[in-house]
Amino acid sequence: MIKQHRIILVLSLCGMTNGFGVQVATATASSTATVASTILRDYSAPASALFNNMRTPAALIGGALVPLGILSAPRIEPNDTPITKFFKKANLLLSIASLLSEVIAITYSTVAINKIAELDTVMSEGVAQFIGDYHLLPWLGTNVHFLLGLFGFGLLAISKPYFLYGRNAGNVVACWATAAMMFCVSIVNKGISMGHGTIDNTGARFSDNLFSLTIKYAHLVWSYAQRGPLAYVACVLLGLSIVPLKSVIDDVLEEQKAKEM
C-alpha cells in the first residue's frame, strides 16, 4: 500500500514538472514572437524607393504638360467670344499651375531622397513609421502635388478637343476624362483608407481620403511656413494671386455685358 502511494506521488511530481515545462516553453515562445515583431530595422532604402516611385511619374507628367498646354496653347482670335477667350486663358493658367505642382513634387522627393542618404540611419519598426516620423511633410507634399498636376493634365486633355474639333468631340473626351479621373480618385481614396501596417491590421494611416490628406498637408505647410521667411512669402504670394485672377474673370464678365448691350 505504501509503495502504491509512493508511485502515485512520483507520477504527480512528474506531471507537475512537465506542465511547468510546457508553460515555460509557451511563455518563452510568446515573448520571442513579441520581440521579433518589434525589431527595429533600417528602412531608408525602401523609403527612398517610395519617393522615387513618385518622382519618376511626376517628371513624366511635367514633361508632357509643356507641349500639351504651354507650347501648343490656343491663341486668342479677334472673333472669339468672351467665354472662349476666358477658357483659352484658363487653359494656359491651368497648364502652368499643373507644371509647377509637378515641379514641387519633384523637389520634395529629390531632397527627401538626398537627406535619407546623407543623414545617419534611424532604425524604425516599418517604412511608414520612418516616413511619418522624419519625412511626413515631403511625403504628403509629393503625393498631393503629383495628384494635383495629374488632374490638371486630365483637365487639359478635356479642353484640347473643344478648341481643335468642336463641341461634339469635346463632349466625348470630357466624359472619358471625367470618368478616368473619378476612377483614379476612387483608387487613391482606397489606398489611403487602407493605411499601413500588416495585411491583417492596417489601422494606422496618414489620413482617410484624398480630401482630408490635402487638408492635413495644407496645415503642415502653414506650420512649416511660419518657421522660414521664404516659405511664408511663397504662401503670401499664392494668396495674392487671387487678385489678378479675379481681374481676369471680371474682364470676361465686363466684355460679355458690353457685347450683350
Protein backbone atom coordinates (compact mmCIF):
# COMPACT_ATOMS: atom_id res chain seq x y z
CA MET A 1 0.00 0.00 0.00
CA ILE A 2 2.86 2.34 0.88
CA LYS A 3 4.56 1.53 -2.43
CA GLN A 4 1.42 2.44 -4.34
CA HIS A 5 1.29 5.83 -2.61
CA ARG A 6 4.95 6.43 -3.48
CA ILE A 7 4.31 5.59 -7.14
CA ILE A 8 1.33 7.97 -7.29
CA LEU A 9 3.38 10.75 -5.66
CA VAL A 10 6.23 10.32 -8.14
CA LEU A 11 3.85 10.38 -11.10
CA SER A 12 2.17 13.52 -9.76
CA LEU A 13 5.51 15.29 -9.39
CA CYS A 14 6.47 14.30 -12.94
CA GLY A 15 3.19 15.66 -14.26
CA MET A 16 3.66 18.95 -12.42
CA THR A 17 7.19 19.26 -13.76
CA ASN A 18 6.08 18.57 -17.34
CA GLY A 19 3.24 21.09 -17.04
CA PHE A 20 5.63 23.71 -15.73
CA GLY A 21 7.97 22.97 -18.64
CA VAL A 22 5.18 23.44 -21.14
CA GLN A 23 4.19 26.76 -19.53
CA VAL A 24 7.80 27.97 -19.60
CA ALA A 25 8.17 26.95 -23.24
CA THR A 26 4.91 28.70 -24.16
CA ALA A 27 5.86 31.90 -22.35
CA THR A 28 9.30 31.86 -23.97
CA ALA A 29 7.83 31.41 -27.44
CA SER A 30 5.31 34.19 -26.81
CA SER A 31 7.97 36.62 -25.60
CA THR A 32 10.21 35.71 -28.54
CA ALA A 33 7.37 36.40 -31.00
CA THR A 34 6.69 39.75 -29.32
CA VAL A 35 10.32 40.78 -29.52
CA ALA A 36 10.55 39.63 -33.14
CA SER A 37 7.52 41.70 -34.07
CA THR A 38 9.07 44.88 -32.68
CA ILE A 39 12.58 44.51 -34.08
CA LEU A 40 13.90 47.82 -35.37
CA ARG A 41 15.37 47.82 -38.87
CA ASP A 42 16.87 50.22 -41.37
CA TYR A 43 14.07 51.28 -43.75
CA SER A 44 15.94 54.08 -45.51
CA ALA A 45 16.25 52.12 -48.77
CA PRO A 46 12.50 51.30 -49.06
CA ALA A 47 11.67 54.92 -48.16
CA SER A 48 13.95 56.21 -50.92
CA ALA A 49 12.33 53.79 -53.35
CA LEU A 50 8.85 55.09 -52.45
CA PHE A 51 9.90 58.69 -53.04
CA ASN A 52 11.50 57.70 -56.35
CA ASN A 53 8.29 55.90 -57.36
CA MET A 54 6.54 59.28 -57.16
CA ARG A 55 9.35 61.38 -58.62
CA THR A 56 9.61 59.49 -61.91
CA PRO A 57 5.93 59.78 -62.98
CA ALA A 58 5.87 63.40 -61.75
CA ALA A 59 8.75 64.17 -64.12
CA LEU A 60 6.96 62.39 -66.98
CA ILE A 61 3.73 64.32 -66.42
CA GLY A 62 5.63 67.59 -66.09
CA GLY A 63 7.43 66.96 -69.37
CA ALA A 64 4.16 66.16 -71.12
CA LEU A 65 2.49 69.31 -69.82
CA VAL A 66 4.90 71.61 -71.64
CA PRO A 67 3.94 70.66 -75.22
CA LEU A 68 0.31 69.88 -74.37
CA GLY A 69 -0.65 73.04 -72.53
CA ILE A 70 2.09 75.66 -72.98
CA LEU A 71 3.79 75.30 -76.36
CA SER A 72 0.52 74.50 -78.11
CA ALA A 73 -1.70 76.80 -76.07
CA PRO A 74 -4.70 78.04 -78.09
CA ARG A 75 -4.28 81.59 -79.34
CA ILE A 76 -6.95 84.21 -78.80
CA GLU A 77 -8.53 85.24 -82.10
CA PRO A 78 -10.28 88.58 -82.78
CA ASN A 79 -13.60 86.87 -83.45
CA ASP A 80 -13.55 84.79 -80.23
CA THR A 81 -16.43 85.27 -77.83
CA PRO A 82 -15.62 86.47 -74.29
CA ILE A 83 -16.30 82.99 -72.92
CA THR A 84 -13.95 81.41 -75.46
CA LYS A 85 -11.26 83.93 -74.59
CA PHE A 86 -11.70 83.11 -70.90
CA PHE A 87 -11.34 79.37 -71.45
CA LYS A 88 -8.24 79.88 -73.59
CA LYS A 89 -6.68 81.94 -70.83
CA ALA A 90 -7.74 79.36 -68.25
CA ASN A 91 -6.16 76.64 -70.38
CA LEU A 92 -2.75 78.32 -70.17
CA LEU A 93 -3.08 79.12 -66.46
CA LEU A 94 -4.05 75.53 -65.71
CA SER A 95 -1.06 74.25 -67.69
CA ILE A 96 1.39 76.40 -65.76
CA ALA A 97 -0.21 75.59 -62.39
CA SER A 98 -0.09 71.85 -63.13
CA LEU A 99 3.53 72.07 -64.27
CA LEU A 100 4.55 73.96 -61.14
CA SER A 101 2.72 71.41 -58.99
CA GLU A 102 4.77 68.61 -60.55
CA VAL A 103 7.95 70.66 -60.07
CA ILE A 104 7.17 70.94 -56.35
CA ALA A 105 6.56 67.18 -56.16
CA ILE A 106 9.90 66.51 -57.85
CA THR A 107 11.67 68.94 -55.49
CA TYR A 108 10.10 67.36 -52.40
CA SER A 109 11.02 63.82 -53.44
CA THR A 110 14.54 64.66 -54.66
CA VAL A 111 15.53 66.49 -51.48
CA ALA A 112 13.98 63.73 -49.33
CA ILE A 113 15.98 61.05 -51.16
CA ASN A 114 19.17 63.07 -50.71
CA LYS A 115 18.53 63.62 -47.00
CA ILE A 116 17.75 59.94 -46.41
CA ALA A 117 21.12 59.08 -47.94
CA GLU A 118 23.09 61.86 -46.23
CA LEU A 119 21.77 61.63 -42.66
CA ASP A 120 22.59 58.85 -40.21
CA THR A 121 20.38 55.80 -40.41
CA VAL A 122 17.45 55.78 -37.98
CA MET A 123 16.04 52.40 -37.01
CA SER A 124 12.24 52.04 -37.18
CA GLU A 125 9.55 49.37 -36.94
CA GLY A 126 8.44 49.95 -40.54
CA VAL A 127 8.88 52.17 -43.56
CA ALA A 128 5.61 54.00 -42.85
CA GLN A 129 6.77 54.83 -39.32
CA PHE A 130 10.12 56.02 -40.67
CA ILE A 131 8.43 58.34 -43.19
CA GLY A 132 5.80 59.52 -40.71
CA ASP A 133 8.37 60.37 -38.04
CA TYR A 134 11.05 62.03 -40.17
CA HIS A 135 9.72 62.82 -43.67
CA LEU A 136 5.96 63.37 -43.32
CA LEU A 137 5.79 66.80 -44.99
CA PRO A 138 7.84 65.77 -48.05
CA TRP A 139 5.83 62.55 -48.41
CA LEU A 140 2.43 64.23 -48.24
CA GLY A 141 3.65 67.10 -50.43
CA THR A 142 4.99 64.72 -53.07
CA ASN A 143 1.72 62.80 -53.26
CA VAL A 144 -0.62 65.81 -53.14
CA HIS A 145 1.26 67.86 -55.74
CA PHE A 146 1.73 64.88 -58.03
CA LEU A 147 -2.01 64.19 -57.99
CA LEU A 148 -2.93 67.86 -58.46
CA GLY A 149 -0.66 68.05 -61.50
CA LEU A 150 -2.08 64.77 -62.79
CA PHE A 151 -5.66 66.01 -62.52
CA GLY A 152 -4.65 69.26 -64.20
CA PHE A 153 -3.23 67.17 -67.01
CA GLY A 154 -6.58 65.40 -67.30
CA LEU A 155 -8.45 68.71 -67.48
CA LEU A 156 -6.15 69.85 -70.29
CA ALA A 157 -6.97 66.65 -72.12
CA ILE A 158 -10.63 67.69 -71.89
CA SER A 159 -10.15 71.26 -73.14
CA LYS A 160 -7.92 70.45 -76.10
CA PRO A 161 -10.57 68.73 -78.28
CA TYR A 162 -13.02 71.59 -77.72
CA PHE A 163 -10.58 74.09 -79.25
CA LEU A 164 -9.45 71.78 -82.07
CA TYR A 165 -12.52 69.82 -83.14
CA GLY A 166 -15.59 71.47 -81.62
CA ARG A 167 -18.20 70.67 -79.04
CA ASN A 168 -19.18 67.14 -80.07
CA ALA A 169 -15.66 65.73 -79.92
CA GLY A 170 -15.02 67.74 -76.77
CA ASN A 171 -18.06 66.27 -75.03
CA VAL A 172 -16.90 62.74 -75.79
CA VAL A 173 -13.43 63.40 -74.36
CA ALA A 174 -14.97 65.22 -71.38
CA CYS A 175 -16.97 62.11 -70.47
CA TRP A 176 -13.95 59.85 -70.88
CA ALA A 177 -11.54 62.06 -68.95
CA THR A 178 -14.00 62.77 -66.14
CA ALA A 179 -14.72 59.06 -65.74
CA ALA A 180 -10.98 58.30 -65.67
CA MET A 181 -10.25 60.99 -63.06
CA MET A 182 -13.15 59.90 -60.85
CA PHE A 183 -11.90 56.31 -61.04
CA CYS A 184 -8.38 57.50 -60.17
CA VAL A 185 -9.71 59.37 -57.13
CA SER A 186 -11.54 56.22 -56.07
CA ILE A 187 -8.32 54.19 -56.33
CA VAL A 188 -6.36 56.81 -54.38
CA ASN A 189 -9.02 57.01 -51.65
CA LYS A 190 -8.98 53.22 -51.35
CA GLY A 191 -5.21 53.19 -50.98
CA ILE A 192 -5.25 55.99 -48.39
CA SER A 193 -8.02 54.33 -46.36
CA MET A 194 -6.12 51.02 -46.29
CA GLY A 195 -3.41 52.72 -44.27
CA HIS A 196 -0.21 50.88 -43.45
CA GLY A 197 0.98 48.11 -41.18
CA THR A 198 0.21 44.48 -41.99
CA ILE A 199 -2.27 42.94 -44.42
CA ASP A 200 -4.49 41.92 -41.49
CA ASN A 201 -4.05 45.11 -39.47
CA THR A 202 -3.92 48.40 -41.38
CA GLY A 203 -5.43 50.60 -38.70
CA ALA A 204 -2.60 53.13 -38.86
CA ARG A 205 -2.97 55.66 -41.66
CA PHE A 206 -1.88 59.17 -42.59
CA SER A 207 -5.46 60.16 -43.48
CA ASP A 208 -8.84 58.77 -44.55
CA ASN A 209 -9.16 60.08 -48.11
CA LEU A 210 -7.58 62.45 -50.61
CA PHE A 211 -9.52 65.49 -49.38
CA SER A 212 -8.52 65.07 -45.74
CA LEU A 213 -4.97 64.26 -46.83
CA THR A 214 -4.82 67.57 -48.72
CA ILE A 215 -6.17 69.44 -45.68
CA LYS A 216 -3.56 67.80 -43.48
CA TYR A 217 -0.84 68.75 -45.93
CA ALA A 218 -2.06 72.37 -46.01
CA HIS A 219 -1.83 72.54 -42.19
CA LEU A 220 1.71 71.13 -42.28
CA VAL A 221 2.73 73.64 -44.96
CA TRP A 222 1.36 76.55 -42.95
CA SER A 223 3.20 75.35 -39.84
CA TYR A 224 6.38 74.97 -41.87
CA ALA A 225 5.94 78.42 -43.47
CA GLN A 226 5.84 80.10 -40.07
CA ARG A 227 9.38 78.86 -39.38
CA GLY A 228 11.01 80.26 -42.52
CA PRO A 229 10.72 83.53 -44.49
CA LEU A 230 10.85 82.02 -48.00
CA ALA A 231 8.06 79.54 -47.39
CA TYR A 232 5.98 82.23 -45.70
CA VAL A 233 6.44 84.64 -48.62
CA ALA A 234 5.53 81.81 -51.02
CA CYS A 235 2.23 81.27 -49.20
CA VAL A 236 1.51 85.00 -49.23
CA LEU A 237 2.20 85.24 -52.97
CA LEU A 238 -0.11 82.32 -53.58
CA GLY A 239 -2.86 84.14 -51.75
CA LEU A 240 -2.18 87.42 -53.55
CA SER A 241 -2.52 85.69 -56.92
CA ILE A 242 -6.28 85.66 -56.30
CA VAL A 243 -6.37 89.41 -57.03
CA PRO A 244 -5.15 89.27 -60.68
CA LEU A 245 -7.11 86.05 -61.18
CA LYS A 246 -10.26 87.89 -60.16
CA SER A 247 -9.35 90.66 -62.63
CA VAL A 248 -9.21 88.09 -65.44
CA ILE A 249 -12.70 86.91 -64.56
CA ASP A 250 -14.01 90.47 -64.23
CA ASP A 251 -12.67 91.38 -67.67
CA VAL A 252 -14.56 88.48 -69.21
CA LEU A 253 -17.79 89.45 -67.44
CA GLU A 254 -17.50 93.09 -68.48
CA GLU A 255 -16.78 92.16 -72.08
CA GLN A 256 -19.75 89.82 -72.09
CA LYS A 257 -22.05 92.56 -70.76
CA ALA A 258 -20.77 95.05 -73.33
CA LYS A 259 -21.42 92.56 -76.13
CA GLU A 260 -24.99 91.93 -74.94
CA MET A 261 -25.74 95.67 -74.84
